Amino acid sequence: MDFSADWLNFMQWPAMVATVLAAWLVGSDSESRRAAGFWVFLTSNVLWVLWGLHVGAMALIALQVALAALNIRGVFKTETAQQAKPQADT
């Protein structure tokens, strides 16, 4: 039994869970949850690329690179919006 192959085959399941969780977070009304969602999406992009390299899915890898670029854009836009928001006095 090849442990590394089994581990890499299993990688698709955490990648799928991370993708679904990220989509749920990005759809939230909470700014902090949306911001976290982009980071979870980036994690899922990495997991999908690892799995795609293992199975030779070049189109999947290209898709994940493109989606990662969009998620990085989302991180920057979210952080910029949070910084521009006036802070409430406490």
N, C-alpha and C. Protein backbone atom coordinates (compact mmCIF):
# COMPACT_ATOMS: atom_id res chain seq x y z
N MET A 1 0.85 -1.18 0.00
CA MET A 1 0.00 0.00 0.00
C MET A 1 0.89 1.24 0.00
N ASP A 2 0.61 2.17 -0.89
CA ASP A 2 1.37 3.41 -0.99
C ASP A 2 0.66 4.50 -0.20
N PHE A 3 1.22 4.79 0.99
CA PHE A 3 0.59 5.77 1.89
C PHE A 3 0.47 7.14 1.25
N SER A 4 1.51 7.59 0.52
CA SER A 4 1.47 8.93 -0.07
C SER A 4 0.37 9.04 -1.11
N ALA A 5 0.17 8.00 -1.90
CA ALA A 5 -0.91 8.02 -2.90
C ALA A 5 -2.27 8.03 -2.22
N ASP A 6 -2.42 7.25 -1.14
CA ASP A 6 -3.69 7.24 -0.42
C ASP A 6 -3.98 8.62 0.18
N TRP A 7 -2.93 9.21 0.76
CA TRP A 7 -3.08 10.53 1.37
C TRP A 7 -3.47 11.56 0.32
N LEU A 8 -2.82 11.52 -0.84
CA LEU A 8 -3.14 12.48 -1.89
C LEU A 8 -4.51 12.23 -2.50
N ASN A 9 -4.92 10.97 -2.59
CA ASN A 9 -6.28 10.68 -3.07
C ASN A 9 -7.32 11.23 -2.11
N PHE A 10 -7.02 11.16 -0.81
CA PHE A 10 -7.94 11.66 0.21
C PHE A 10 -8.05 13.19 0.17
N MET A 11 -7.03 13.86 -0.36
CA MET A 11 -6.95 15.33 -0.37
C MET A 11 -8.19 15.98 -1.00
N GLN A 12 -8.85 15.31 -1.91
CA GLN A 12 -10.00 15.92 -2.56
C GLN A 12 -11.15 16.18 -1.58
N TRP A 13 -11.25 15.40 -0.51
CA TRP A 13 -12.36 15.56 0.43
C TRP A 13 -12.19 16.80 1.30
N PRO A 14 -11.03 17.02 1.93
CA PRO A 14 -10.87 18.29 2.65
C PRO A 14 -10.96 19.50 1.72
N ALA A 15 -10.49 19.35 0.48
CA ALA A 15 -10.58 20.45 -0.49
C ALA A 15 -12.04 20.78 -0.77
N MET A 16 -12.86 19.76 -0.93
CA MET A 16 -14.29 19.98 -1.18
C MET A 16 -14.97 20.62 0.01
N VAL A 17 -14.66 20.14 1.22
CA VAL A 17 -15.26 20.72 2.44
C VAL A 17 -14.83 22.18 2.59
N ALA A 18 -13.56 22.47 2.36
CA ALA A 18 -13.07 23.85 2.46
C ALA A 18 -13.76 24.75 1.44
N THR A 19 -13.97 24.25 0.24
CA THR A 19 -14.64 25.05 -0.80
C THR A 19 -16.06 25.39 -0.40
N VAL A 20 -16.79 24.40 0.10
CA VAL A 20 -18.18 24.63 0.51
C VAL A 20 -18.24 25.58 1.71
N LEU A 21 -17.36 25.37 2.69
CA LEU A 21 -17.31 26.25 3.85
C LEU A 21 -16.98 27.68 3.43
N ALA A 22 -16.02 27.83 2.54
CA ALA A 22 -15.63 29.17 2.08
C ALA A 22 -16.78 29.87 1.37
N ALA A 23 -17.51 29.14 0.54
CA ALA A 23 -18.66 29.73 -0.16
C ALA A 23 -19.71 30.20 0.84
N TRP A 24 -19.93 29.41 1.88
CA TRP A 24 -20.89 29.78 2.92
C TRP A 24 -20.42 31.05 3.65
N LEU A 25 -19.13 31.11 3.99
CA LEU A 25 -18.60 32.27 4.69
C LEU A 25 -18.65 33.53 3.84
N VAL A 26 -18.29 33.43 2.57
CA VAL A 26 -18.28 34.59 1.69
C VAL A 26 -19.70 35.13 1.49
N GLY A 27 -20.69 34.28 1.61
CA GLY A 27 -22.08 34.71 1.47
C GLY A 27 -22.68 35.30 2.74
N SER A 28 -21.89 35.43 3.78
CA SER A 28 -22.36 35.92 5.07
C SER A 28 -22.58 37.43 5.06
N ASP A 29 -23.45 37.90 5.92
CA ASP A 29 -23.64 39.34 6.12
C ASP A 29 -22.51 39.95 6.95
N SER A 30 -21.80 39.12 7.69
CA SER A 30 -20.72 39.58 8.55
C SER A 30 -19.44 39.82 7.74
N GLU A 31 -18.87 41.01 7.90
CA GLU A 31 -17.64 41.34 7.17
C GLU A 31 -16.50 40.41 7.56
N SER A 32 -16.41 40.08 8.84
CA SER A 32 -15.31 39.22 9.29
C SER A 32 -15.45 37.80 8.74
N ARG A 33 -16.68 37.32 8.63
CA ARG A 33 -16.89 35.99 8.04
C ARG A 33 -16.57 35.99 6.55
N ARG A 34 -16.95 37.08 5.86
CA ARG A 34 -16.61 37.17 4.44
C ARG A 34 -15.10 37.19 4.25
N ALA A 35 -14.41 37.95 5.09
CA ALA A 35 -12.94 38.01 4.99
C ALA A 35 -12.35 36.63 5.25
N ALA A 36 -12.84 35.93 6.26
CA ALA A 36 -12.35 34.58 6.55
C ALA A 36 -12.64 33.65 5.38
N GLY A 37 -13.76 33.85 4.72
CA GLY A 37 -14.13 33.01 3.58
C GLY A 37 -13.11 33.06 2.46
N PHE A 38 -12.56 34.25 2.19
CA PHE A 38 -11.55 34.34 1.14
C PHE A 38 -10.29 33.56 1.53
N TRP A 39 -9.92 33.60 2.82
CA TRP A 39 -8.75 32.84 3.27
C TRP A 39 -9.01 31.34 3.20
N VAL A 40 -10.23 30.93 3.52
CA VAL A 40 -10.57 29.50 3.40
C VAL A 40 -10.57 29.09 1.94
N PHE A 41 -11.08 29.96 1.07
CA PHE A 41 -11.02 29.68 -0.38
C PHE A 41 -9.57 29.49 -0.83
N LEU A 42 -8.66 30.36 -0.35
CA LEU A 42 -7.26 30.20 -0.73
C LEU A 42 -6.70 28.87 -0.24
N THR A 43 -7.10 28.45 0.93
CA THR A 43 -6.68 27.14 1.43
C THR A 43 -7.21 26.04 0.52
N SER A 44 -8.47 26.16 0.11
CA SER A 44 -9.04 25.14 -0.78
C SER A 44 -8.33 25.15 -2.13
N ASN A 45 -7.92 26.33 -2.62
CA ASN A 45 -7.18 26.40 -3.88
C ASN A 45 -5.89 25.60 -3.79
N VAL A 46 -5.18 25.74 -2.67
CA VAL A 46 -3.93 25.00 -2.48
C VAL A 46 -4.21 23.49 -2.44
N LEU A 47 -5.23 23.10 -1.71
CA LEU A 47 -5.56 21.67 -1.61
C LEU A 47 -5.93 21.09 -2.98
N TRP A 48 -6.73 21.84 -3.75
CA TRP A 48 -7.11 21.36 -5.08
C TRP A 48 -5.90 21.26 -6.01
N VAL A 49 -4.99 22.21 -5.91
CA VAL A 49 -3.79 22.15 -6.76
C VAL A 49 -2.96 20.91 -6.40
N LEU A 50 -2.80 20.65 -5.10
CA LEU A 50 -2.05 19.45 -4.69
C LEU A 50 -2.70 18.18 -5.24
N TRP A 51 -4.01 18.10 -5.12
CA TRP A 51 -4.70 16.92 -5.64
C TRP A 51 -4.62 16.88 -7.16
N GLY A 52 -4.77 18.03 -7.82
CA GLY A 52 -4.69 18.09 -9.27
C GLY A 52 -3.33 17.67 -9.80
N LEU A 53 -2.26 18.04 -9.09
CA LEU A 53 -0.92 17.60 -9.49
C LEU A 53 -0.81 16.08 -9.38
N HIS A 54 -1.40 15.53 -8.32
CA HIS A 54 -1.34 14.08 -8.09
C HIS A 54 -2.03 13.31 -9.21
N VAL A 55 -3.17 13.81 -9.67
CA VAL A 55 -3.94 13.07 -10.69
C VAL A 55 -3.70 13.60 -12.11
N GLY A 56 -2.88 14.64 -12.24
CA GLY A 56 -2.58 15.17 -13.57
C GLY A 56 -3.71 15.97 -14.18
N ALA A 57 -4.50 16.64 -13.35
CA ALA A 57 -5.65 17.42 -13.83
C ALA A 57 -5.21 18.86 -14.09
N MET A 58 -4.63 19.08 -15.25
CA MET A 58 -4.07 20.39 -15.57
C MET A 58 -5.14 21.48 -15.66
N ALA A 59 -6.31 21.18 -16.18
CA ALA A 59 -7.38 22.18 -16.26
C ALA A 59 -7.83 22.59 -14.85
N LEU A 60 -7.91 21.63 -13.94
CA LEU A 60 -8.27 21.94 -12.56
C LEU A 60 -7.22 22.84 -11.92
N ILE A 61 -5.96 22.56 -12.17
CA ILE A 61 -4.88 23.38 -11.61
C ILE A 61 -4.97 24.80 -12.18
N ALA A 62 -5.19 24.94 -13.47
CA ALA A 62 -5.32 26.27 -14.08
C ALA A 62 -6.52 27.01 -13.49
N LEU A 63 -7.62 26.31 -13.30
CA LEU A 63 -8.81 26.92 -12.69
C LEU A 63 -8.50 27.40 -11.29
N GLN A 64 -7.82 26.60 -10.51
CA GLN A 64 -7.51 26.97 -9.12
C GLN A 64 -6.56 28.16 -9.05
N VAL A 65 -5.63 28.25 -9.97
CA VAL A 65 -4.73 29.41 -10.02
C VAL A 65 -5.54 30.67 -10.33
N ALA A 66 -6.46 30.58 -11.29
CA ALA A 66 -7.30 31.73 -11.62
C ALA A 66 -8.20 32.10 -10.44
N LEU A 67 -8.79 31.11 -9.80
CA LEU A 67 -9.66 31.39 -8.65
C LEU A 67 -8.86 31.94 -7.49
N ALA A 68 -7.64 31.47 -7.30
CA ALA A 68 -6.78 32.01 -6.23
C ALA A 68 -6.51 33.49 -6.47
N ALA A 69 -6.29 33.87 -7.72
CA ALA A 69 -6.07 35.29 -8.03
C ALA A 69 -7.31 36.11 -7.66
N LEU A 70 -8.49 35.59 -7.96
CA LEU A 70 -9.72 36.29 -7.59
C LEU A 70 -9.89 36.34 -6.07
N ASN A 71 -9.51 35.27 -5.39
CA ASN A 71 -9.63 35.24 -3.93
C ASN A 71 -8.63 36.20 -3.28
N ILE A 72 -7.45 36.32 -3.85
CA ILE A 72 -6.47 37.30 -3.35
C ILE A 72 -7.04 38.70 -3.53
N ARG A 73 -7.65 38.94 -4.66
CA ARG A 73 -8.32 40.23 -4.90
C ARG A 73 -9.40 40.46 -3.84
N GLY A 74 -10.17 39.43 -3.53
CA GLY A 74 -11.21 39.54 -2.50
C GLY A 74 -10.64 39.86 -1.13
N VAL A 75 -9.50 39.25 -0.79
CA VAL A 75 -8.85 39.53 0.49
C VAL A 75 -8.48 41.01 0.55
N PHE A 76 -7.83 41.52 -0.51
CA PHE A 76 -7.40 42.92 -0.51
C PHE A 76 -8.59 43.88 -0.49
N LYS A 77 -9.62 43.59 -1.25
CA LYS A 77 -10.79 44.47 -1.27
C LYS A 77 -11.48 44.47 0.09
N THR A 78 -11.57 43.32 0.73
CA THR A 78 -12.22 43.24 2.04
C THR A 78 -11.41 43.99 3.09
N GLU A 79 -10.09 43.79 3.08
CA GLU A 79 -9.25 44.48 4.05
C GLU A 79 -9.27 45.98 3.83
N THR A 80 -9.27 46.41 2.57
CA THR A 80 -9.32 47.84 2.26
C THR A 80 -10.63 48.44 2.74
N ALA A 81 -11.72 47.73 2.51
CA ALA A 81 -13.04 48.22 2.95
C ALA A 81 -13.11 48.30 4.47
N GLN A 82 -12.53 47.33 5.16
CA GLN A 82 -12.55 47.35 6.62
C GLN A 82 -11.70 48.50 7.16
N GLN A 83 -10.58 48.80 6.51
CA GLN A 83 -9.71 49.88 6.96
C GLN A 83 -10.34 51.24 6.69
N ALA A 84 -11.11 51.36 5.62
CA ALA A 84 -11.72 52.64 5.25
C ALA A 84 -12.95 52.94 6.10
N LYS A 85 -13.50 51.94 6.74
CA LYS A 85 -14.69 52.11 7.55
C LYS A 85 -14.34 52.93 8.80
N PRO A 86 -15.14 53.95 9.10
CA PRO A 86 -14.86 54.74 10.31
C PRO A 86 -15.00 53.87 11.56
N GLN A 87 -14.07 54.02 12.47
CA GLN A 87 -14.09 53.26 13.71
C GLN A 87 -15.01 53.94 14.72
N ALA A 88 -15.82 53.13 15.39
CA ALA A 88 -16.73 53.67 16.41
C ALA A 88 -15.93 53.97 17.67
N ASP A 89 -16.26 55.07 18.32
CA ASP A 89 -15.61 55.41 19.59
C ASP A 89 -16.13 54.48 20.68
N THR A 90 -15.22 54.00 21.50
CA THR A 90 -15.66 53.13 22.60
C THR A 90 -15.38 53.78 23.94
